[in-house]
Amino acid sequence: MTDKSMELTDVNITYLNDSKVHHAAQLIKNAGRYYYREGDKAMEIEVWEYNRVLANPRLYYFSAALKLHKELHWPKCERIVEGLR
C-alpha cells in the first residue's frame, strides 16, 4: 500500500517515568484510515487511538500506546494489516 497522500509520523514510545526509548513506532494516516506499525508489523486502528498515541506515546497502565503495543504482538490479533509499506 503506497500512496503519495499517506502521512507517516514516527513516534518514540517510552515508559512513563523514563525518557529512554522502548521502541520506535509509526502512526500512519492514509485515505481516511489509520494504522499503527512497529517494524514489519502493522494493524489498522481507530482515529481516537491514533490521536491518543500521538498525544501521549508512553507505556503505562491504561495508555493507548501500551494497548496497541500488546495487541500488535498478540498472536491472535485480528487487526493485522499485510503489505503496508
PDB file of N, CA and C in Angstrom:
ATOM      1  N   MET A   1       0.854  -1.166   0.000  1.00  0.00           N
ATOM      2  CA  MET A   1       0.000   0.000   0.000  1.00  0.00           C
ATOM      3  C   MET A   1       0.903   1.233   0.000  1.00  0.00           C
ATOM      4  N   THR A   2       1.048   1.861  -1.128  1.00  0.00           N
ATOM      5  CA  THR A   2       1.847   3.073  -1.216  1.00  0.00           C
ATOM      6  C   THR A   2       0.980   4.161  -1.810  1.00  0.00           C
ATOM      7  N   ASP A   3       0.966   5.302  -1.177  1.00  0.00           N
ATOM      8  CA  ASP A   3       0.126   6.397  -1.613  1.00  0.00           C
ATOM      9  C   ASP A   3       0.846   7.701  -1.315  1.00  0.00           C
ATOM     10  N   LYS A   4       0.844   8.611  -2.281  1.00  0.00           N
ATOM     11  CA  LYS A   4       1.519   9.893  -2.069  1.00  0.00           C
ATOM     12  C   LYS A   4       0.855  10.714  -0.975  1.00  0.00           C
ATOM     13  N   SER A   5      -0.417  10.451  -0.703  1.00  0.00           N
ATOM     14  CA  SER A   5      -1.105  11.208   0.337  1.00  0.00           C
ATOM     15  C   SER A   5      -0.959  10.568   1.718  1.00  0.00           C
ATOM     16  N   MET A   6      -0.212   9.468   1.803  1.00  0.00           N
ATOM     17  CA  MET A   6      -0.016   8.791   3.081  1.00  0.00           C
ATOM     18  C   MET A   6       0.829   9.670   4.005  1.00  0.00           C
ATOM     19  N   GLU A   7       0.361   9.846   5.223  1.00  0.00           N
ATOM     20  CA  GLU A   7       1.095  10.612   6.229  1.00  0.00           C
ATOM     21  C   GLU A   7       1.718   9.643   7.224  1.00  0.00           C
ATOM     22  N   LEU A   8       3.043   9.720   7.373  1.00  0.00           N
ATOM     23  CA  LEU A   8       3.769   8.881   8.327  1.00  0.00           C
ATOM     24  C   LEU A   8       4.275   9.754   9.463  1.00  0.00           C
ATOM     25  N   THR A   9       4.048   9.330  10.685  1.00  0.00           N
ATOM     26  CA  THR A   9       4.549  10.049  11.850  1.00  0.00           C
ATOM     27  C   THR A   9       5.347   9.073  12.697  1.00  0.00           C
ATOM     28  N   ASP A  10       6.652   9.322  12.837  1.00  0.00           N
ATOM     29  CA  ASP A  10       7.495   8.490  13.691  1.00  0.00           C
ATOM     30  C   ASP A  10       7.237   8.852  15.144  1.00  0.00           C
ATOM     31  N   VAL A  11       7.094   7.846  15.974  1.00  0.00           N
ATOM     32  CA  VAL A  11       6.807   8.042  17.387  1.00  0.00           C
ATOM     33  C   VAL A  11       7.777   7.186  18.201  1.00  0.00           C
ATOM     34  N   ASN A  12       8.464   7.806  19.137  1.00  0.00           N
ATOM     35  CA  ASN A  12       9.330   7.073  20.063  1.00  0.00           C
ATOM     36  C   ASN A  12       8.517   6.760  21.308  1.00  0.00           C
ATOM     37  N   ILE A  13       8.268   5.484  21.515  1.00  0.00           N
ATOM     38  CA  ILE A  13       7.467   5.046  22.653  1.00  0.00           C
ATOM     39  C   ILE A  13       8.384   4.881  23.857  1.00  0.00           C
ATOM     40  N   THR A  14       8.037   5.514  24.955  1.00  0.00           N
ATOM     41  CA  THR A  14       8.844   5.474  26.172  1.00  0.00           C
ATOM     42  C   THR A  14       7.992   4.990  27.344  1.00  0.00           C
ATOM     43  N   TYR A  15       8.680   4.644  28.430  1.00  0.00           N
ATOM     44  CA  TYR A  15       7.966   4.356  29.669  1.00  0.00           C
ATOM     45  C   TYR A  15       7.561   5.674  30.315  1.00  0.00           C
ATOM     46  N   LEU A  16       6.582   5.639  31.180  1.00  0.00           N
ATOM     47  CA  LEU A  16       6.016   6.839  31.788  1.00  0.00           C
ATOM     48  C   LEU A  16       7.062   7.733  32.455  1.00  0.00           C
ATOM     49  N   ASN A  17       7.914   7.180  33.297  1.00  0.00           N
ATOM     50  CA  ASN A  17       8.864   7.990  34.046  1.00  0.00           C
ATOM     51  C   ASN A  17      10.298   7.853  33.542  1.00  0.00           C
ATOM     52  N   ASP A  18      10.459   7.560  32.273  1.00  0.00           N
ATOM     53  CA  ASP A  18      11.780   7.340  31.704  1.00  0.00           C
ATOM     54  C   ASP A  18      11.795   7.878  30.281  1.00  0.00           C
ATOM     55  N   SER A  19      12.825   8.605  29.929  1.00  0.00           N
ATOM     56  CA  SER A  19      12.906   9.160  28.579  1.00  0.00           C
ATOM     57  C   SER A  19      13.575   8.209  27.594  1.00  0.00           C
ATOM     58  N   LYS A  20      14.081   7.068  28.089  1.00  0.00           N
ATOM     59  CA  LYS A  20      14.722   6.089  27.214  1.00  0.00           C
ATOM     60  C   LYS A  20      13.673   5.466  26.286  1.00  0.00           C
ATOM     61  N   VAL A  21      13.980   5.405  25.003  1.00  0.00           N
ATOM     62  CA  VAL A  21      13.043   4.866  24.025  1.00  0.00           C
ATOM     63  C   VAL A  21      12.907   3.356  24.210  1.00  0.00           C
ATOM     64  N   HIS A  22      11.680   2.898  24.378  1.00  0.00           N
ATOM     65  CA  HIS A  22      11.395   1.464  24.497  1.00  0.00           C
ATOM     66  C   HIS A  22      11.337   0.839  23.113  1.00  0.00           C
ATOM     67  N   HIS A  23      10.630   1.473  22.199  1.00  0.00           N
ATOM     68  CA  HIS A  23      10.590   1.024  20.813  1.00  0.00           C
ATOM     69  C   HIS A  23      10.116   2.172  19.916  1.00  0.00           C
ATOM     70  N   ALA A  24      10.484   2.085  18.665  1.00  0.00           N
ATOM     71  CA  ALA A  24      10.050   3.076  17.686  1.00  0.00           C
ATOM     72  C   ALA A  24       8.805   2.544  16.984  1.00  0.00           C
ATOM     73  N   ALA A  25       7.872   3.424  16.740  1.00  0.00           N
ATOM     74  CA  ALA A  25       6.637   3.051  16.052  1.00  0.00           C
ATOM     75  C   ALA A  25       6.326   4.114  15.009  1.00  0.00           C
ATOM     76  N   GLN A  26       5.384   3.811  14.155  1.00  0.00           N
ATOM     77  CA  GLN A  26       4.895   4.791  13.195  1.00  0.00           C
ATOM     78  C   GLN A  26       3.382   4.822  13.267  1.00  0.00           C
ATOM     79  N   LEU A  27       2.849   6.025  13.219  1.00  0.00           N
ATOM     80  CA  LEU A  27       1.423   6.226  13.058  1.00  0.00           C
ATOM     81  C   LEU A  27       1.223   6.621  11.603  1.00  0.00           C
ATOM     82  N   ILE A  28       0.263   5.996  10.956  1.00  0.00           N
ATOM     83  CA  ILE A  28       0.055   6.209   9.530  1.00  0.00           C
ATOM     84  C   ILE A  28      -1.392   6.603   9.292  1.00  0.00           C
ATOM     85  N   LYS A  29      -1.567   7.642   8.481  1.00  0.00           N
ATOM     86  CA  LYS A  29      -2.900   8.069   8.062  1.00  0.00           C
ATOM     87  C   LYS A  29      -2.924   7.987   6.549  1.00  0.00           C
ATOM     88  N   ASN A  30      -3.899   7.259   6.000  1.00  0.00           N
ATOM     89  CA  ASN A  30      -3.972   7.087   4.557  1.00  0.00           C
ATOM     90  C   ASN A  30      -5.426   6.924   4.123  1.00  0.00           C
ATOM     91  N   ALA A  31      -5.885   7.844   3.315  1.00  0.00           N
ATOM     92  CA  ALA A  31      -7.238   7.768   2.743  1.00  0.00           C
ATOM     93  C   ALA A  31      -8.319   7.552   3.805  1.00  0.00           C
ATOM     94  N   GLY A  32      -8.223   8.288   4.903  1.00  0.00           N
ATOM     95  CA  GLY A  32      -9.229   8.200   5.949  1.00  0.00           C
ATOM     96  C   GLY A  32      -9.123   6.975   6.835  1.00  0.00           C
ATOM     97  N   ARG A  33      -8.045   6.203   6.700  1.00  0.00           N
ATOM     98  CA  ARG A  33      -7.810   5.035   7.538  1.00  0.00           C
ATOM     99  C   ARG A  33      -6.535   5.267   8.340  1.00  0.00           C
ATOM    100  N   TYR A  34      -6.456   4.630   9.500  1.00  0.00           N
ATOM    101  CA  TYR A  34      -5.359   4.857  10.429  1.00  0.00           C
ATOM    102  C   TYR A  34      -4.693   3.533  10.785  1.00  0.00           C
ATOM    103  N   TYR A  35      -3.359   3.584  10.958  1.00  0.00           N
ATOM    104  CA  TYR A  35      -2.583   2.377  11.223  1.00  0.00           C
ATOM    105  C   TYR A  35      -1.521   2.657  12.276  1.00  0.00           C
ATOM    106  N   TYR A  36      -1.141   1.596  12.981  1.00  0.00           N
ATOM    107  CA  TYR A  36      -0.053   1.625  13.957  1.00  0.00           C
ATOM    108  C   TYR A  36       0.937   0.571  13.494  1.00  0.00           C
ATOM    109  N   ARG A  37       2.237   0.934  13.372  1.00  0.00           N
ATOM    110  CA  ARG A  37       3.238  -0.010  12.890  1.00  0.00           C
ATOM    111  C   ARG A  37       4.458   0.001  13.789  1.00  0.00           C
ATOM    112  N   GLU A  38       4.961  -1.199  14.063  1.00  0.00           N
ATOM    113  CA  GLU A  38       6.247  -1.401  14.740  1.00  0.00           C
ATOM    114  C   GLU A  38       7.037  -2.353  13.854  1.00  0.00           C
ATOM    115  N   GLY A  39       8.137  -1.884  13.307  1.00  0.00           N
ATOM    116  CA  GLY A  39       8.939  -2.731  12.424  1.00  0.00           C
ATOM    117  C   GLY A  39       8.136  -3.179  11.224  1.00  0.00           C
ATOM    118  N   ASP A  40       8.025  -4.498  11.016  1.00  0.00           N
ATOM    119  CA  ASP A  40       7.300  -5.016   9.861  1.00  0.00           C
ATOM    120  C   ASP A  40       5.874  -5.445  10.195  1.00  0.00           C
ATOM    121  N   LYS A  41       5.401  -5.149  11.404  1.00  0.00           N
ATOM    122  CA  LYS A  41       4.039  -5.483  11.803  1.00  0.00           C
ATOM    123  C   LYS A  41       3.200  -4.217  11.874  1.00  0.00           C
ATOM    124  N   ALA A  42       2.008  -4.283  11.297  1.00  0.00           N
ATOM    125  CA  ALA A  42       1.108  -3.133  11.319  1.00  0.00           C
ATOM    126  C   ALA A  42      -0.318  -3.608  11.522  1.00  0.00           C
ATOM    127  N   MET A  43      -1.125  -2.724  12.098  1.00  0.00           N
ATOM    128  CA  MET A  43      -2.541  -3.032  12.242  1.00  0.00           C
ATOM    129  C   MET A  43      -3.350  -1.760  12.066  1.00  0.00           C
ATOM    130  N   GLU A  44      -4.573  -1.947  11.603  1.00  0.00           N
ATOM    131  CA  GLU A  44      -5.472  -0.816  11.445  1.00  0.00           C
ATOM    132  C   GLU A  44      -6.013  -0.437  12.813  1.00  0.00           C
ATOM    133  N   ILE A  45      -6.099   0.869  13.060  1.00  0.00           N
ATOM    134  CA  ILE A  45      -6.596   1.366  14.342  1.00  0.00           C
ATOM    135  C   ILE A  45      -7.673   2.410  14.094  1.00  0.00           C
ATOM    136  N   GLU A  46      -8.333   2.793  15.149  1.00  0.00           N
ATOM    137  CA  GLU A  46      -9.364   3.834  15.085  1.00  0.00           C
ATOM    138  C   GLU A  46      -8.720   5.210  15.202  1.00  0.00           C
ATOM    139  N   VAL A  47      -9.412   6.235  14.731  1.00  0.00           N
ATOM    140  CA  VAL A  47      -8.868   7.590  14.773  1.00  0.00           C
ATOM    141  C   VAL A  47      -8.582   8.021  16.215  1.00  0.00           C
ATOM    142  N   TRP A  48      -9.426   7.620  17.169  1.00  0.00           N
ATOM    143  CA  TRP A  48      -9.184   8.022  18.563  1.00  0.00           C
ATOM    144  C   TRP A  48      -7.909   7.374  19.096  1.00  0.00           C
ATOM    145  N   GLU A  49      -7.583   6.148  18.669  1.00  0.00           N
ATOM    146  CA  GLU A  49      -6.349   5.501  19.102  1.00  0.00           C
ATOM    147  C   GLU A  49      -5.139   6.226  18.512  1.00  0.00           C
ATOM    148  N   TYR A  50      -5.244   6.584  17.247  1.00  0.00           N
ATOM    149  CA  TYR A  50      -4.201   7.353  16.559  1.00  0.00           C
ATOM    150  C   TYR A  50      -3.909   8.647  17.326  1.00  0.00           C
ATOM    151  N   ASN A  51      -4.953   9.386  17.637  1.00  0.00           N
ATOM    152  CA  ASN A  51      -4.799  10.668  18.335  1.00  0.00           C
ATOM    153  C   ASN A  51      -4.251  10.495  19.747  1.00  0.00           C
ATOM    154  N   ARG A  52      -4.658   9.444  20.445  1.00  0.00           N
ATOM    155  CA  ARG A  52      -4.176   9.235  21.817  1.00  0.00           C
ATOM    156  C   ARG A  52      -2.701   8.874  21.854  1.00  0.00           C
ATOM    157  N   VAL A  53      -2.252   8.023  20.929  1.00  0.00           N
ATOM    158  CA  VAL A  53      -0.823   7.675  20.905  1.00  0.00           C
ATOM    159  C   VAL A  53      -0.005   8.886  20.476  1.00  0.00           C
ATOM    160  N   LEU A  54      -0.497   9.637  19.524  1.00  0.00           N
ATOM    161  CA  LEU A  54       0.203  10.838  19.080  1.00  0.00           C
ATOM    162  C   LEU A  54       0.357  11.838  20.223  1.00  0.00           C
ATOM    163  N   ALA A  55      -0.674  11.996  21.020  1.00  0.00           N
ATOM    164  CA  ALA A  55      -0.648  12.941  22.137  1.00  0.00           C
ATOM    165  C   ALA A  55       0.135  12.425  23.343  1.00  0.00           C
ATOM    166  N   ASN A  56       0.210  11.092  23.507  1.00  0.00           N
ATOM    167  CA  ASN A  56       0.821  10.523  24.709  1.00  0.00           C
ATOM    168  C   ASN A  56       1.497   9.189  24.379  1.00  0.00           C
ATOM    169  N   PRO A  57       2.706   9.216  23.827  1.00  0.00           N
ATOM    170  CA  PRO A  57       3.389   7.977  23.433  1.00  0.00           C
ATOM    171  C   PRO A  57       4.136   7.313  24.599  1.00  0.00           C
ATOM    172  N   ARG A  58       3.434   7.041  25.679  1.00  0.00           N
ATOM    173  CA  ARG A  58       4.038   6.460  26.870  1.00  0.00           C
ATOM    174  C   ARG A  58       3.414   5.102  27.168  1.00  0.00           C
ATOM    175  N   LEU A  59       4.219   4.197  27.736  1.00  0.00           N
ATOM    176  CA  LEU A  59       3.735   2.885  28.146  1.00  0.00           C
ATOM    177  C   LEU A  59       3.443   2.908  29.645  1.00  0.00           C
ATOM    178  N   TYR A  60       2.193   2.761  30.000  1.00  0.00           N
ATOM    179  CA  TYR A  60       1.783   2.619  31.388  1.00  0.00           C
ATOM    180  C   TYR A  60       0.358   2.085  31.386  1.00  0.00           C
ATOM    181  N   TYR A  61      -0.118   1.645  32.537  1.00  0.00           N
ATOM    182  CA  TYR A  61      -1.464   1.077  32.613  1.00  0.00           C
ATOM    183  C   TYR A  61      -2.488   1.999  31.977  1.00  0.00           C
ATOM    184  N   PHE A  62      -3.315   1.430  31.152  1.00  0.00           N
ATOM    185  CA  PHE A  62      -4.444   2.099  30.501  1.00  0.00           C
ATOM    186  C   PHE A  62      -4.046   3.090  29.406  1.00  0.00           C
ATOM    187  N   SER A  63      -2.779   3.133  29.010  1.00  0.00           N
ATOM    188  CA  SER A  63      -2.415   4.035  27.918  1.00  0.00           C
ATOM    189  C   SER A  63      -2.716   3.377  26.580  1.00  0.00           C
ATOM    190  N   ALA A  64      -3.065   4.183  25.588  1.00  0.00           N
ATOM    191  CA  ALA A  64      -3.327   3.669  24.242  1.00  0.00           C
ATOM    192  C   ALA A  64      -2.065   3.045  23.655  1.00  0.00           C
ATOM    193  N   ALA A  65      -0.900   3.626  23.941  1.00  0.00           N
ATOM    194  CA  ALA A  65       0.357   3.095  23.411  1.00  0.00           C
ATOM    195  C   ALA A  65       0.600   1.671  23.915  1.00  0.00           C
ATOM    196  N   LEU A  66       0.358   1.420  25.189  1.00  0.00           N
ATOM    197  CA  LEU A  66       0.545   0.083  25.743  1.00  0.00           C
ATOM    198  C   LEU A  66      -0.469  -0.892  25.148  1.00  0.00           C
ATOM    199  N   LYS A  67      -1.704  -0.479  25.040  1.00  0.00           N
ATOM    200  CA  LYS A  67      -2.753  -1.332  24.480  1.00  0.00           C
ATOM    201  C   LYS A  67      -2.400  -1.753  23.062  1.00  0.00           C
ATOM    202  N   LEU A  68      -2.003  -0.808  22.216  1.00  0.00           N
ATOM    203  CA  LEU A  68      -1.683  -1.138  20.828  1.00  0.00           C
ATOM    204  C   LEU A  68      -0.427  -1.994  20.720  1.00  0.00           C
ATOM    205  N   HIS A  69       0.589  -1.698  21.524  1.00  0.00           N
ATOM    206  CA  HIS A  69       1.824  -2.477  21.512  1.00  0.00           C
ATOM    207  C   HIS A  69       1.528  -3.938  21.862  1.00  0.00           C
ATOM    208  N   LYS A  70       0.771  -4.158  22.915  1.00  0.00           N
ATOM    209  CA  LYS A  70       0.445  -5.524  23.335  1.00  0.00           C
ATOM    210  C   LYS A  70      -0.431  -6.236  22.307  1.00  0.00           C
ATOM    211  N   GLU A  71      -1.416  -5.535  21.782  1.00  0.00           N
ATOM    212  CA  GLU A  71      -2.316  -6.150  20.804  1.00  0.00           C
ATOM    213  C   GLU A  71      -1.571  -6.523  19.519  1.00  0.00           C
ATOM    214  N   LEU A  72      -0.683  -5.668  19.057  1.00  0.00           N
ATOM    215  CA  LEU A  72       0.056  -5.925  17.822  1.00  0.00           C
ATOM    216  C   LEU A  72       0.900  -7.189  17.938  1.00  0.00           C
ATOM    217  N   HIS A  73       1.433  -7.459  19.112  1.00  0.00           N
ATOM    218  CA  HIS A  73       2.296  -8.617  19.310  1.00  0.00           C
ATOM    219  C   HIS A  73       1.556  -9.841  19.857  1.00  0.00           C
ATOM    220  N   TRP A  74       0.248  -9.731  19.993  1.00  0.00           N
ATOM    221  CA  TRP A  74      -0.573 -10.850  20.426  1.00  0.00           C
ATOM    222  C   TRP A  74      -0.805 -11.764  19.228  1.00  0.00           C
ATOM    223  N   PRO A  75      -0.538 -13.065  19.357  1.00  0.00           N
ATOM    224  CA  PRO A  75      -0.642 -13.972  18.210  1.00  0.00           C
ATOM    225  C   PRO A  75      -2.022 -14.001  17.538  1.00  0.00           C
ATOM    226  N   LYS A  76      -3.080 -13.687  18.268  1.00  0.00           N
ATOM    227  CA  LYS A  76      -4.425 -13.753  17.698  1.00  0.00           C
ATOM    228  C   LYS A  76      -4.967 -12.384  17.301  1.00  0.00           C
ATOM    229  N   CYS A  77      -4.095 -11.414  17.120  1.00  0.00           N
ATOM    230  CA  CYS A  77      -4.543 -10.060  16.747  1.00  0.00           C
ATOM    231  C   CYS A  77      -5.290 -10.121  15.414  1.00  0.00           C
ATOM    232  N   GLU A  78      -6.500  -9.622  15.409  1.00  0.00           N
ATOM    233  CA  GLU A  78      -7.318  -9.648  14.211  1.00  0.00           C
ATOM    234  C   GLU A  78      -7.225  -8.373  13.371  1.00  0.00           C
ATOM    235  N   ARG A  79      -6.463  -7.387  13.839  1.00  0.00           N
ATOM    236  CA  ARG A  79      -6.367  -6.116  13.097  1.00  0.00           C
ATOM    237  C   ARG A  79      -5.077  -5.994  12.307  1.00  0.00           C
ATOM    238  N   ILE A  80      -4.291  -7.073  12.191  1.00  0.00           N
ATOM    239  CA  ILE A  80      -3.037  -7.044  11.449  1.00  0.00           C
ATOM    240  C   ILE A  80      -3.319  -6.707   9.986  1.00  0.00           C
ATOM    241  N   VAL A  81      -2.478  -5.846   9.418  1.00  0.00           N
ATOM    242  CA  VAL A  81      -2.587  -5.456   8.009  1.00  0.00           C
ATOM    243  C   VAL A  81      -1.347  -5.945   7.300  1.00  0.00           C
ATOM    244  N   GLU A  82      -1.499  -6.694   6.237  1.00  0.00           N
ATOM    245  CA  GLU A  82      -0.371  -7.201   5.460  1.00  0.00           C
ATOM    246  C   GLU A  82      -0.037  -6.206   4.344  1.00  0.00           C
ATOM    247  N   GLY A  83       1.242  -6.068   4.069  1.00  0.00           N
ATOM    248  CA  GLY A  83       1.693  -5.283   2.918  1.00  0.00           C
ATOM    249  C   GLY A  83       1.644  -3.782   3.070  1.00  0.00           C
ATOM    250  N   LEU A  84       1.584  -3.269   4.283  1.00  0.00           N
ATOM    251  CA  LEU A  84       1.585  -1.822   4.491  1.00  0.00           C
ATOM    252  C   LEU A  84       3.008  -1.323   4.398  1.00  0.00           C
ATOM    253  N   ARG A  85       3.297  -0.521   3.393  1.00  0.00           N
ATOM    254  CA  ARG A  85       4.659  -0.011   3.159  1.00  0.00           C
ATOM    255  C   ARG A  85       4.648   1.485   3.117  1.00  0.00           C
TER     256      ARG A  85
END
